[in-house]
Amino acid sequence: VGTSTRFTYTAIGDSVNLASRVEGINKFYGTSIIATSALR
């Protein structure tokens, strides 16, 4: 994503954002891997 002179390989979308939010929830529970019911 970007221009021919400056770009990066990335993932964008609501699903990516939700996975990021779920990752952060681990700190409350003291866990390492949390998944949504959709993934489970």
Full PDB file with SEQRES, HELIX, SHEET, SSBOND, CRYST1, ORIGX, SCALE, CONECT and MASTER records, all heavy atoms in Angstrom:
SEQRES   1 A   40  VAL GLY THR SER THR ARG PHE THR TYR THR ALA ILE GLY          
SEQRES   2 A   40  ASP SER VAL ASN LEU ALA SER ARG VAL GLU GLY ILE ASN          
SEQRES   3 A   40  LYS PHE TYR GLY THR SER ILE ILE ALA THR SER ALA LEU          
SEQRES   4 A   40  ARG                                                          
HELIX    1 AA1 ASP A   14  TYR A   29  1                                  16    
CRYST1    1.000    1.000    1.000  90.00  90.00  90.00 P 1           1          
ORIGX1      1.000000  0.000000  0.000000        0.00000                         
ORIGX2      0.000000  1.000000  0.000000        0.00000                         
ORIGX3      0.000000  0.000000  1.000000        0.00000                         
SCALE1      1.000000  0.000000  0.000000        0.00000                         
SCALE2      0.000000  1.000000  0.000000        0.00000                         
SCALE3      0.000000  0.000000  1.000000        0.00000                         
ATOM      1  N   VAL A   1       0.862  -1.175   0.000  1.00  0.00           N  
ATOM      2  CA  VAL A   1       0.000   0.000   0.000  1.00  0.00           C  
ATOM      3  C   VAL A   1       0.901   1.229   0.000  1.00  0.00           C  
ATOM      4  O   VAL A   1       1.858   1.308   0.767  1.00  0.00           O  
ATOM      5  CB  VAL A   1      -0.927   0.014   1.247  1.00  0.00           C  
ATOM      6  CG1 VAL A   1      -1.756   1.283   1.291  1.00  0.00           C  
ATOM      7  CG2 VAL A   1      -1.824  -1.212   1.255  1.00  0.00           C  
ATOM      8  N   GLY A   2       0.592   2.189  -0.852  1.00  0.00           N  
ATOM      9  CA  GLY A   2       1.373   3.422  -0.908  1.00  0.00           C  
ATOM     10  C   GLY A   2       1.644   3.817  -2.334  1.00  0.00           C  
ATOM     11  O   GLY A   2       0.885   3.484  -3.250  1.00  0.00           O  
ATOM     12  N   THR A   3       2.760   4.503  -2.513  1.00  0.00           N  
ATOM     13  CA  THR A   3       3.149   4.977  -3.843  1.00  0.00           C  
ATOM     14  C   THR A   3       4.370   4.206  -4.315  1.00  0.00           C  
ATOM     15  O   THR A   3       4.950   3.414  -3.580  1.00  0.00           O  
ATOM     16  CB  THR A   3       3.487   6.485  -3.803  1.00  0.00           C  
ATOM     17  OG1 THR A   3       4.677   6.660  -3.036  1.00  0.00           O  
ATOM     18  CG2 THR A   3       2.349   7.296  -3.212  1.00  0.00           C  
ATOM     19  N   SER A   4       4.801   4.474  -5.523  1.00  0.00           N  
ATOM     20  CA  SER A   4       5.958   3.762  -6.063  1.00  0.00           C  
ATOM     21  C   SER A   4       7.247   4.129  -5.335  1.00  0.00           C  
ATOM     22  O   SER A   4       8.219   3.379  -5.367  1.00  0.00           O  
ATOM     23  CB  SER A   4       6.096   4.038  -7.567  1.00  0.00           C  
ATOM     24  OG  SER A   4       6.279   5.424  -7.779  1.00  0.00           O  
ATOM     25  N   THR A   5       7.279   5.268  -4.662  1.00  0.00           N  
ATOM     26  CA  THR A   5       8.485   5.666  -3.945  1.00  0.00           C  
ATOM     27  C   THR A   5       8.430   5.343  -2.456  1.00  0.00           C  
ATOM     28  O   THR A   5       9.471   5.296  -1.798  1.00  0.00           O  
ATOM     29  CB  THR A   5       8.742   7.180  -4.100  1.00  0.00           C  
ATOM     30  OG1 THR A   5       7.603   7.888  -3.616  1.00  0.00           O  
ATOM     31  CG2 THR A   5       9.006   7.525  -5.562  1.00  0.00           C  
ATOM     32  N   ARG A   6       7.261   5.154  -1.943  1.00  0.00           N  
ATOM     33  CA  ARG A   6       7.126   4.834  -0.515  1.00  0.00           C  
ATOM     34  C   ARG A   6       5.904   3.953  -0.321  1.00  0.00           C  
ATOM     35  O   ARG A   6       4.771   4.388  -0.527  1.00  0.00           O  
ATOM     36  CB  ARG A   6       6.994   6.113   0.301  1.00  0.00           C  
ATOM     37  CG  ARG A   6       6.948   5.849   1.774  1.00  0.00           C  
ATOM     38  CD  ARG A   6       6.869   7.130   2.544  1.00  0.00           C  
ATOM     39  NE  ARG A   6       6.676   6.791   3.934  1.00  0.00           N  
ATOM     40  CZ  ARG A   6       7.086   7.510   4.939  1.00  0.00           C  
ATOM     41  NH1 ARG A   6       7.716   8.645   4.693  1.00  0.00           N  
ATOM     42  NH2 ARG A   6       6.868   7.142   6.166  1.00  0.00           N  
ATOM     43  N   PHE A   7       6.156   2.728   0.075  1.00  0.00           N  
ATOM     44  CA  PHE A   7       5.047   1.810   0.311  1.00  0.00           C  
ATOM     45  C   PHE A   7       5.421   0.811   1.389  1.00  0.00           C  
ATOM     46  O   PHE A   7       6.580   0.693   1.768  1.00  0.00           O  
ATOM     47  CB  PHE A   7       4.640   1.098  -0.990  1.00  0.00           C  
ATOM     48  CG  PHE A   7       5.690   0.202  -1.562  1.00  0.00           C  
ATOM     49  CD1 PHE A   7       5.759  -1.133  -1.196  1.00  0.00           C  
ATOM     50  CD2 PHE A   7       6.610   0.689  -2.473  1.00  0.00           C  
ATOM     51  CE1 PHE A   7       6.732  -1.963  -1.730  1.00  0.00           C  
ATOM     52  CE2 PHE A   7       7.582  -0.139  -3.008  1.00  0.00           C  
ATOM     53  CZ  PHE A   7       7.647  -1.461  -2.634  1.00  0.00           C  
ATOM     54  N   THR A   8       4.416   0.131   1.860  1.00  0.00           N  
ATOM     55  CA  THR A   8       4.629  -0.889   2.878  1.00  0.00           C  
ATOM     56  C   THR A   8       3.668  -2.042   2.630  1.00  0.00           C  
ATOM     57  O   THR A   8       2.596  -1.838   2.055  1.00  0.00           O  
ATOM     58  CB  THR A   8       4.434  -0.313   4.304  1.00  0.00           C  
ATOM     59  OG1 THR A   8       4.783  -1.308   5.252  1.00  0.00           O  
ATOM     60  CG2 THR A   8       3.000   0.113   4.544  1.00  0.00           C  
ATOM     61  N   TYR A   9       4.073  -3.203   3.034  1.00  0.00           N  
ATOM     62  CA  TYR A   9       3.189  -4.360   2.967  1.00  0.00           C  
ATOM     63  C   TYR A   9       2.366  -4.363   4.245  1.00  0.00           C  
ATOM     64  O   TYR A   9       2.920  -4.288   5.343  1.00  0.00           O  
ATOM     65  CB  TYR A   9       3.996  -5.660   2.846  1.00  0.00           C  
ATOM     66  CG  TYR A   9       3.115  -6.856   2.581  1.00  0.00           C  
ATOM     67  CD1 TYR A   9       2.722  -7.159   1.287  1.00  0.00           C  
ATOM     68  CD2 TYR A   9       2.664  -7.656   3.623  1.00  0.00           C  
ATOM     69  CE1 TYR A   9       1.912  -8.243   1.034  1.00  0.00           C  
ATOM     70  CE2 TYR A   9       1.849  -8.745   3.375  1.00  0.00           C  
ATOM     71  CZ  TYR A   9       1.470  -9.031   2.075  1.00  0.00           C  
ATOM     72  OH  TYR A   9       0.661 -10.100   1.830  1.00  0.00           O  
ATOM     73  N   THR A  10       1.053  -4.409   4.124  1.00  0.00           N  
ATOM     74  CA  THR A  10       0.203  -4.297   5.306  1.00  0.00           C  
ATOM     75  C   THR A  10      -1.114  -5.036   5.104  1.00  0.00           C  
ATOM     76  O   THR A  10      -1.388  -5.550   4.027  1.00  0.00           O  
ATOM     77  CB  THR A  10      -0.048  -2.806   5.645  1.00  0.00           C  
ATOM     78  OG1 THR A  10      -0.661  -2.712   6.926  1.00  0.00           O  
ATOM     79  CG2 THR A  10      -0.943  -2.139   4.614  1.00  0.00           C  
ATOM     80  N   ALA A  11      -1.880  -5.057   6.147  1.00  0.00           N  
ATOM     81  CA  ALA A  11      -3.242  -5.606   6.119  1.00  0.00           C  
ATOM     82  C   ALA A  11      -4.166  -4.518   6.642  1.00  0.00           C  
ATOM     83  O   ALA A  11      -3.885  -3.891   7.666  1.00  0.00           O  
ATOM     84  CB  ALA A  11      -3.340  -6.848   6.985  1.00  0.00           C  
ATOM     85  N   ILE A  12      -5.268  -4.302   5.944  1.00  0.00           N  
ATOM     86  CA  ILE A  12      -6.217  -3.246   6.298  1.00  0.00           C  
ATOM     87  C   ILE A  12      -7.624  -3.837   6.280  1.00  0.00           C  
ATOM     88  O   ILE A  12      -7.952  -4.648   5.423  1.00  0.00           O  
ATOM     89  CB  ILE A  12      -6.149  -2.073   5.283  1.00  0.00           C  
ATOM     90  CG1 ILE A  12      -4.749  -1.460   5.258  1.00  0.00           C  
ATOM     91  CG2 ILE A  12      -7.186  -1.008   5.613  1.00  0.00           C  
ATOM     92  CD1 ILE A  12      -4.561  -0.437   4.152  1.00  0.00           C  
ATOM     93  N   GLY A  13      -8.430  -3.402   7.209  1.00  0.00           N  
ATOM     94  CA  GLY A  13      -9.833  -3.795   7.198  1.00  0.00           C  
ATOM     95  C   GLY A  13     -10.384  -3.961   8.603  1.00  0.00           C  
ATOM     96  O   GLY A  13      -9.647  -4.011   9.590  1.00  0.00           O  
ATOM     97  N   ASP A  14     -11.694  -4.056   8.689  1.00  0.00           N  
ATOM     98  CA  ASP A  14     -12.367  -4.202   9.966  1.00  0.00           C  
ATOM     99  C   ASP A  14     -11.935  -5.478  10.676  1.00  0.00           C  
ATOM    100  O   ASP A  14     -11.762  -5.489  11.901  1.00  0.00           O  
ATOM    101  CB  ASP A  14     -13.888  -4.188   9.758  1.00  0.00           C  
ATOM    102  CG  ASP A  14     -14.629  -4.143  11.068  1.00  0.00           C  
ATOM    103  OD1 ASP A  14     -14.369  -3.228  11.877  1.00  0.00           O  
ATOM    104  OD2 ASP A  14     -15.460  -5.045  11.310  1.00  0.00           O  
ATOM    105  N   SER A  15     -11.718  -6.545   9.936  1.00  0.00           N  
ATOM    106  CA  SER A  15     -11.286  -7.811  10.542  1.00  0.00           C  
ATOM    107  C   SER A  15      -9.913  -7.683  11.178  1.00  0.00           C  
ATOM    108  O   SER A  15      -9.663  -8.248  12.255  1.00  0.00           O  
ATOM    109  CB  SER A  15     -11.249  -8.923   9.499  1.00  0.00           C  
ATOM    110  OG  SER A  15     -12.539  -9.189   9.031  1.00  0.00           O  
ATOM    111  N   VAL A  16      -9.035  -6.946  10.536  1.00  0.00           N  
ATOM    112  CA  VAL A  16      -7.687  -6.727  11.074  1.00  0.00           C  
ATOM    113  C   VAL A  16      -7.782  -5.895  12.348  1.00  0.00           C  
ATOM    114  O   VAL A  16      -7.132  -6.187  13.355  1.00  0.00           O  
ATOM    115  CB  VAL A  16      -6.782  -6.034  10.028  1.00  0.00           C  
ATOM    116  CG1 VAL A  16      -5.412  -5.720  10.604  1.00  0.00           C  
ATOM    117  CG2 VAL A  16      -6.680  -6.881   8.779  1.00  0.00           C  
ATOM    118  N   ASN A  17      -8.621  -4.876  12.313  1.00  0.00           N  
ATOM    119  CA  ASN A  17      -8.806  -4.020  13.482  1.00  0.00           C  
ATOM    120  C   ASN A  17      -9.368  -4.824  14.659  1.00  0.00           C  
ATOM    121  O   ASN A  17      -8.906  -4.686  15.791  1.00  0.00           O  
ATOM    122  CB  ASN A  17      -9.742  -2.865  13.134  1.00  0.00           C  
ATOM    123  CG  ASN A  17      -9.874  -1.878  14.271  1.00  0.00           C  
ATOM    124  OD1 ASN A  17      -8.894  -1.491  14.891  1.00  0.00           O  
ATOM    125  ND2 ASN A  17     -11.098  -1.488  14.560  1.00  0.00           N  
ATOM    126  N   LEU A  18     -10.341  -5.685  14.387  1.00  0.00           N  
ATOM    127  CA  LEU A  18     -10.923  -6.490  15.460  1.00  0.00           C  
ATOM    128  C   LEU A  18      -9.895  -7.464  16.036  1.00  0.00           C  
ATOM    129  O   LEU A  18      -9.802  -7.627  17.251  1.00  0.00           O  
ATOM    130  CB  LEU A  18     -12.164  -7.242  14.973  1.00  0.00           C  
ATOM    131  CG  LEU A  18     -12.893  -8.053  16.045  1.00  0.00           C  
ATOM    132  CD1 LEU A  18     -13.238  -7.213  17.268  1.00  0.00           C  
ATOM    133  CD2 LEU A  18     -14.146  -8.684  15.447  1.00  0.00           C  
ATOM    134  N   ALA A  19      -9.095  -8.092  15.193  1.00  0.00           N  
ATOM    135  CA  ALA A  19      -8.042  -8.988  15.686  1.00  0.00           C  
ATOM    136  C   ALA A  19      -7.071  -8.224  16.586  1.00  0.00           C  
ATOM    137  O   ALA A  19      -6.634  -8.736  17.620  1.00  0.00           O  
ATOM    138  CB  ALA A  19      -7.297  -9.632  14.519  1.00  0.00           C  
ATOM    139  N   SER A  20      -6.763  -6.989  16.225  1.00  0.00           N  
ATOM    140  CA  SER A  20      -5.882  -6.161  17.041  1.00  0.00           C  
ATOM    141  C   SER A  20      -6.509  -5.852  18.392  1.00  0.00           C  
ATOM    142  O   SER A  20      -5.843  -5.907  19.429  1.00  0.00           O  
ATOM    143  CB  SER A  20      -5.569  -4.863  16.298  1.00  0.00           C  
ATOM    144  OG  SER A  20      -4.820  -3.992  17.120  1.00  0.00           O  
ATOM    145  N   ARG A  21      -7.788  -5.547  18.399  1.00  0.00           N  
ATOM    146  CA  ARG A  21      -8.495  -5.272  19.669  1.00  0.00           C  
ATOM    147  C   ARG A  21      -8.509  -6.519  20.552  1.00  0.00           C  
ATOM    148  O   ARG A  21      -8.318  -6.436  21.761  1.00  0.00           O  
ATOM    149  CB  ARG A  21      -9.922  -4.829  19.417  1.00  0.00           C  
ATOM    150  CG  ARG A  21     -10.073  -3.617  18.562  1.00  0.00           C  
ATOM    151  CD  ARG A  21      -9.867  -2.361  19.331  1.00  0.00           C  
ATOM    152  NE  ARG A  21     -10.271  -1.241  18.499  1.00  0.00           N  
ATOM    153  CZ  ARG A  21      -9.596  -0.137  18.387  1.00  0.00           C  
ATOM    154  NH1 ARG A  21      -8.482   0.012  19.063  1.00  0.00           N  
ATOM    155  NH2 ARG A  21     -10.010   0.830  17.628  1.00  0.00           N  
ATOM    156  N   VAL A  22      -8.737  -7.666  19.945  1.00  0.00           N  
ATOM    157  CA  VAL A  22      -8.766  -8.929  20.690  1.00  0.00           C  
ATOM    158  C   VAL A  22      -7.379  -9.233  21.255  1.00  0.00           C  
ATOM    159  O   VAL A  22      -7.254  -9.691  22.392  1.00  0.00           O  
ATOM    160  CB  VAL A  22      -9.298 -10.073  19.800  1.00  0.00           C  
ATOM    161  CG1 VAL A  22      -9.114 -11.420  20.453  1.00  0.00           C  
ATOM    162  CG2 VAL A  22     -10.775  -9.829  19.470  1.00  0.00           C  
ATOM    163  N   GLU A  23      -6.341  -8.953  20.496  1.00  0.00           N  
ATOM    164  CA  GLU A  23      -4.974  -9.167  20.990  1.00  0.00           C  
ATOM    165  C   GLU A  23      -4.747  -8.375  22.275  1.00  0.00           C  
ATOM    166  O   GLU A  23      -4.193  -8.887  23.249  1.00  0.00           O  
ATOM    167  CB  GLU A  23      -3.954  -8.749  19.917  1.00  0.00           C  
ATOM    168  CG  GLU A  23      -2.514  -8.837  20.368  1.00  0.00           C  
ATOM    169  CD  GLU A  23      -2.005  -7.581  21.051  1.00  0.00           C  
ATOM    170  OE1 GLU A  23      -2.412  -6.469  20.667  1.00  0.00           O  
ATOM    171  OE2 GLU A  23      -1.214  -7.730  22.000  1.00  0.00           O  
ATOM    172  N   GLY A  24      -5.203  -7.139  22.314  1.00  0.00           N  
ATOM    173  CA  GLY A  24      -5.015  -6.299  23.484  1.00  0.00           C  
ATOM    174  C   GLY A  24      -5.760  -6.787  24.716  1.00  0.00           C  
ATOM    175  O   GLY A  24      -5.355  -6.507  25.849  1.00  0.00           O  
ATOM    176  N   ILE A  25      -6.826  -7.522  24.517  1.00  0.00           N  
ATOM    177  CA  ILE A  25      -7.623  -8.020  25.637  1.00  0.00           C  
ATOM    178  C   ILE A  25      -6.852  -9.072  26.441  1.00  0.00           C  
ATOM    179  O   ILE A  25      -7.116  -9.269  27.629  1.00  0.00           O  
ATOM    180  CB  ILE A  25      -8.979  -8.556  25.127  1.00  0.00           C  
ATOM    181  CG1 ILE A  25      -9.828  -7.387  24.633  1.00  0.00           C  
ATOM    182  CG2 ILE A  25      -9.723  -9.315  26.204  1.00  0.00           C  
ATOM    183  CD1 ILE A  25     -11.114  -7.798  23.973  1.00  0.00           C  
ATOM    184  N   ASN A  26      -5.879  -9.718  25.820  1.00  0.00           N  
ATOM    185  CA  ASN A  26      -5.058 -10.699  26.531  1.00  0.00           C  
ATOM    186  C   ASN A  26      -4.495 -10.144  27.836  1.00  0.00           C  
ATOM    187  O   ASN A  26      -4.360 -10.874  28.824  1.00  0.00           O  
ATOM    188  CB  ASN A  26      -3.888 -11.163  25.657  1.00  0.00           C  
ATOM    189  CG  ASN A  26      -4.255 -12.244  24.689  1.00  0.00           C  
ATOM    190  OD1 ASN A  26      -4.573 -13.358  25.075  1.00  0.00           O  
ATOM    191  ND2 ASN A  26      -4.201 -11.914  23.407  1.00  0.00           N  
ATOM    192  N   LYS A  27      -4.141  -8.856  27.856  1.00  0.00           N  
ATOM    193  CA  LYS A  27      -3.500  -8.303  29.053  1.00  0.00           C  
ATOM    194  C   LYS A  27      -4.433  -8.315  30.256  1.00  0.00           C  
ATOM    195  O   LYS A  27      -3.973  -8.444  31.386  1.00  0.00           O  
ATOM    196  CB  LYS A  27      -2.943  -6.913  28.792  1.00  0.00           C  
ATOM    197  CG  LYS A  27      -3.952  -5.859  28.469  1.00  0.00           C  
ATOM    198  CD  LYS A  27      -3.252  -4.551  28.116  1.00  0.00           C  
ATOM    199  CE  LYS A  27      -4.204  -3.666  27.354  1.00  0.00           C  
ATOM    200  NZ  LYS A  27      -3.530  -2.562  26.729  1.00  0.00           N  
ATOM    201  N   PHE A  28      -5.737  -8.226  30.058  1.00  0.00           N  
ATOM    202  CA  PHE A  28      -6.682  -8.272  31.176  1.00  0.00           C  
ATOM    203  C   PHE A  28      -6.763  -9.682  31.764  1.00  0.00           C  
ATOM    204  O   PHE A  28      -6.867  -9.849  32.967  1.00  0.00           O  
ATOM    205  CB  PHE A  28      -8.084  -7.836  30.732  1.00  0.00           C  
ATOM    206  CG  PHE A  28      -8.154  -6.399  30.315  1.00  0.00           C  
ATOM    207  CD1 PHE A  28      -8.165  -6.060  28.973  1.00  0.00           C  
ATOM    208  CD2 PHE A  28      -8.194  -5.389  31.264  1.00  0.00           C  
ATOM    209  CE1 PHE A  28      -8.232  -4.729  28.582  1.00  0.00           C  
ATOM    210  CE2 PHE A  28      -8.251  -4.061  30.887  1.00  0.00           C  
ATOM    211  CZ  PHE A  28      -8.268  -3.731  29.528  1.00  0.00           C  
ATOM    212  N   TYR A  29      -6.739 -10.676  30.884  1.00  0.00           N  
ATOM    213  CA  TYR A  29      -6.943 -12.058  31.302  1.00  0.00           C  
ATOM    214  C   TYR A  29      -5.641 -12.791  31.631  1.00  0.00           C  
ATOM    215  O   TYR A  29      -5.678 -13.894  32.157  1.00  0.00           O  
ATOM    216  CB  TYR A  29      -7.710 -12.830  30.218  1.00  0.00           C  
ATOM    217  CG  TYR A  29      -9.084 -12.270  30.016  1.00  0.00           C  
ATOM    218  CD1 TYR A  29      -9.323 -11.261  29.092  1.00  0.00           C  
ATOM    219  CD2 TYR A  29     -10.155 -12.716  30.788  1.00  0.00           C  
ATOM    220  CE1 TYR A  29     -10.581 -10.707  28.934  1.00  0.00           C  
ATOM    221  CE2 TYR A  29     -11.409 -12.169  30.638  1.00  0.00           C  
ATOM    222  CZ  TYR A  29     -11.616 -11.160  29.712  1.00  0.00           C  
ATOM    223  OH  TYR A  29     -12.859 -10.611  29.570  1.00  0.00           O  
ATOM    224  N   GLY A  30      -4.503 -12.181  31.301  1.00  0.00           N  
ATOM    225  CA  GLY A  30      -3.221 -12.841  31.541  1.00  0.00           C  
ATOM    226  C   GLY A  30      -2.998 -14.015  30.606  1.00  0.00           C  
ATOM    227  O   GLY A  30      -2.276 -14.950  30.924  1.00  0.00           O  
ATOM    228  N   THR A  31      -3.604 -13.960  29.435  1.00  0.00           N  
ATOM    229  CA  THR A  31      -3.512 -15.029  28.445  1.00  0.00           C  
ATOM    230  C   THR A  31      -2.563 -14.627  27.325  1.00  0.00           C  
ATOM    231  O   THR A  31      -2.103 -13.484  27.263  1.00  0.00           O  
ATOM    232  CB  THR A  31      -4.908 -15.330  27.851  1.00  0.00           C  
ATOM    233  OG1 THR A  31      -5.478 -14.096  27.369  1.00  0.00           O  
ATOM    234  CG2 THR A  31      -5.838 -15.934  28.895  1.00  0.00           C  
ATOM    235  N   SER A  32      -2.314 -15.564  26.431  1.00  0.00           N  
ATOM    236  CA  SER A  32      -1.434 -15.289  25.296  1.00  0.00           C  
ATOM    237  C   SER A  32      -2.173 -15.290  23.964  1.00  0.00           C  
ATOM    238  O   SER A  32      -1.803 -14.563  23.054  1.00  0.00           O  
ATOM    239  CB  SER A  32      -0.308 -16.322  25.237  1.00  0.00           C  
ATOM    240  OG  SER A  32       0.508 -16.211  26.371  1.00  0.00           O  
ATOM    241  N   ILE A  33      -3.206 -16.140  23.830  1.00  0.00           N  
ATOM    242  CA  ILE A  33      -3.927 -16.238  22.554  1.00  0.00           C  
ATOM    243  C   ILE A  33      -5.431 -16.171  22.819  1.00  0.00           C  
ATOM    244  O   ILE A  33      -5.990 -17.034  23.496  1.00  0.00           O  
ATOM    245  CB  ILE A  33      -3.626 -17.554  21.819  1.00  0.00           C  
ATOM    246  CG1 ILE A  33      -2.132 -17.766  21.636  1.00  0.00           C  
ATOM    247  CG2 ILE A  33      -4.348 -17.581  20.468  1.00  0.00           C  
ATOM    248  CD1 ILE A  33      -1.763 -19.145  21.088  1.00  0.00           C  
ATOM    249  N   ILE A  34      -6.063 -15.142  22.273  1.00  0.00           N  
ATOM    250  CA  ILE A  34      -7.520 -15.019  22.354  1.00  0.00           C  
ATOM    251  C   ILE A  34      -8.065 -14.939  20.938  1.00  0.00           C  
ATOM    252  O   ILE A  34      -7.516 -14.257  20.073  1.00  0.00           O  
ATOM    253  CB  ILE A  34      -7.963 -13.790  23.162  1.00  0.00           C  
ATOM    254  CG1 ILE A  34      -7.572 -13.943  24.637  1.00  0.00           C  
ATOM    255  CG2 ILE A  34      -9.474 -13.583  23.043  1.00  0.00           C  
ATOM    256  CD1 ILE A  34      -7.984 -12.784  25.522  1.00  0.00           C  
ATOM    257  N   ALA A  35      -9.173 -15.643  20.719  1.00  0.00           N  
ATOM    258  CA  ALA A  35      -9.832 -15.657  19.417  1.00  0.00           C  
ATOM    259  C   ALA A  35     -11.292 -15.257  19.579  1.00  0.00           C  
ATOM    260  O   ALA A  35     -11.894 -15.466  20.636  1.00  0.00           O  
ATOM    261  CB  ALA A  35      -9.758 -17.055  18.800  1.00  0.00           C  
ATOM    262  N   THR A  36     -11.848 -14.725  18.526  1.00  0.00           N  
ATOM    263  CA  THR A  36     -13.287 -14.452  18.495  1.00  0.00           C  
ATOM    264  C   THR A  36     -14.027 -15.748  18.222  1.00  0.00           C  
ATOM    265  O   THR A  36     -13.443 -16.741  17.766  1.00  0.00           O  
ATOM    266  CB  THR A  36     -13.630 -13.442  17.386  1.00  0.00           C  
ATOM    267  OG1 THR A  36     -13.296 -14.030  16.113  1.00  0.00           O  
ATOM    268  CG2 THR A  36     -12.894 -12.118  17.563  1.00  0.00           C  
ATOM    269  N   SER A  37     -15.333 -15.730  18.456  1.00  0.00           N  
ATOM    270  CA  SER A  37     -16.136 -16.921  18.176  1.00  0.00           C  
ATOM    271  C   SER A  37     -16.131 -17.239  16.684  1.00  0.00           C  
ATOM    272  O   SER A  37     -16.210 -18.415  16.304  1.00  0.00           O  
ATOM    273  CB  SER A  37     -17.568 -16.752  18.692  1.00  0.00           C  
ATOM    274  OG  SER A  37     -18.170 -15.608  18.124  1.00  0.00           O  
ATOM    275  N   ALA A  38     -15.998 -16.225  15.834  1.00  0.00           N  
ATOM    276  CA  ALA A  38     -15.957 -16.471  14.387  1.00  0.00           C  
ATOM    277  C   ALA A  38     -14.754 -17.343  14.023  1.00  0.00           C  
ATOM    278  O   ALA A  38     -14.877 -18.292  13.245  1.00  0.00           O  
ATOM    279  CB  ALA A  38     -15.910 -15.150  13.618  1.00  0.00           C  
ATOM    280  N   LEU A  39     -13.601 -17.043  14.610  1.00  0.00           N  
ATOM    281  CA  LEU A  39     -12.411 -17.840  14.330  1.00  0.00           C  
ATOM    282  C   LEU A  39     -12.524 -19.223  14.956  1.00  0.00           C  
ATOM    283  O   LEU A  39     -12.213 -20.229  14.329  1.00  0.00           O  
ATOM    284  CB  LEU A  39     -11.157 -17.114  14.839  1.00  0.00           C  
ATOM    285  CG  LEU A  39      -9.805 -17.703  14.477  1.00  0.00           C  
ATOM    286  CD1 LEU A  39      -9.353 -18.881  15.242  1.00  0.00           C  
ATOM    287  CD2 LEU A  39      -9.539 -17.708  13.034  1.00  0.00           C  
ATOM    288  N   ARG A  40     -12.983 -19.265  16.205  1.00  0.00           N  
ATOM    289  CA  ARG A  40     -13.134 -20.554  16.892  1.00  0.00           C  
ATOM    290  C   ARG A  40     -14.089 -21.459  16.117  1.00  0.00           C  
ATOM    291  O   ARG A  40     -13.825 -22.646  15.919  1.00  0.00           O  
ATOM    292  CB  ARG A  40     -13.642 -20.324  18.318  1.00  0.00           C  
ATOM    293  CG  ARG A  40     -13.516 -21.499  19.286  1.00  0.00           C  
ATOM    294  CD  ARG A  40     -14.667 -22.474  19.318  1.00  0.00           C  
ATOM    295  NE  ARG A  40     -15.951 -21.916  19.043  1.00  0.00           N  
ATOM    296  CZ  ARG A  40     -16.986 -21.966  19.839  1.00  0.00           C  
ATOM    297  NH1 ARG A  40     -16.884 -22.532  21.007  1.00  0.00           N  
ATOM    298  NH2 ARG A  40     -18.138 -21.462  19.477  1.00  0.00           N  
TER     299      ARG A  40                                                      
MASTER        0    0    0    1    0    0    0    6  298    1    0    4          
END                                                                             
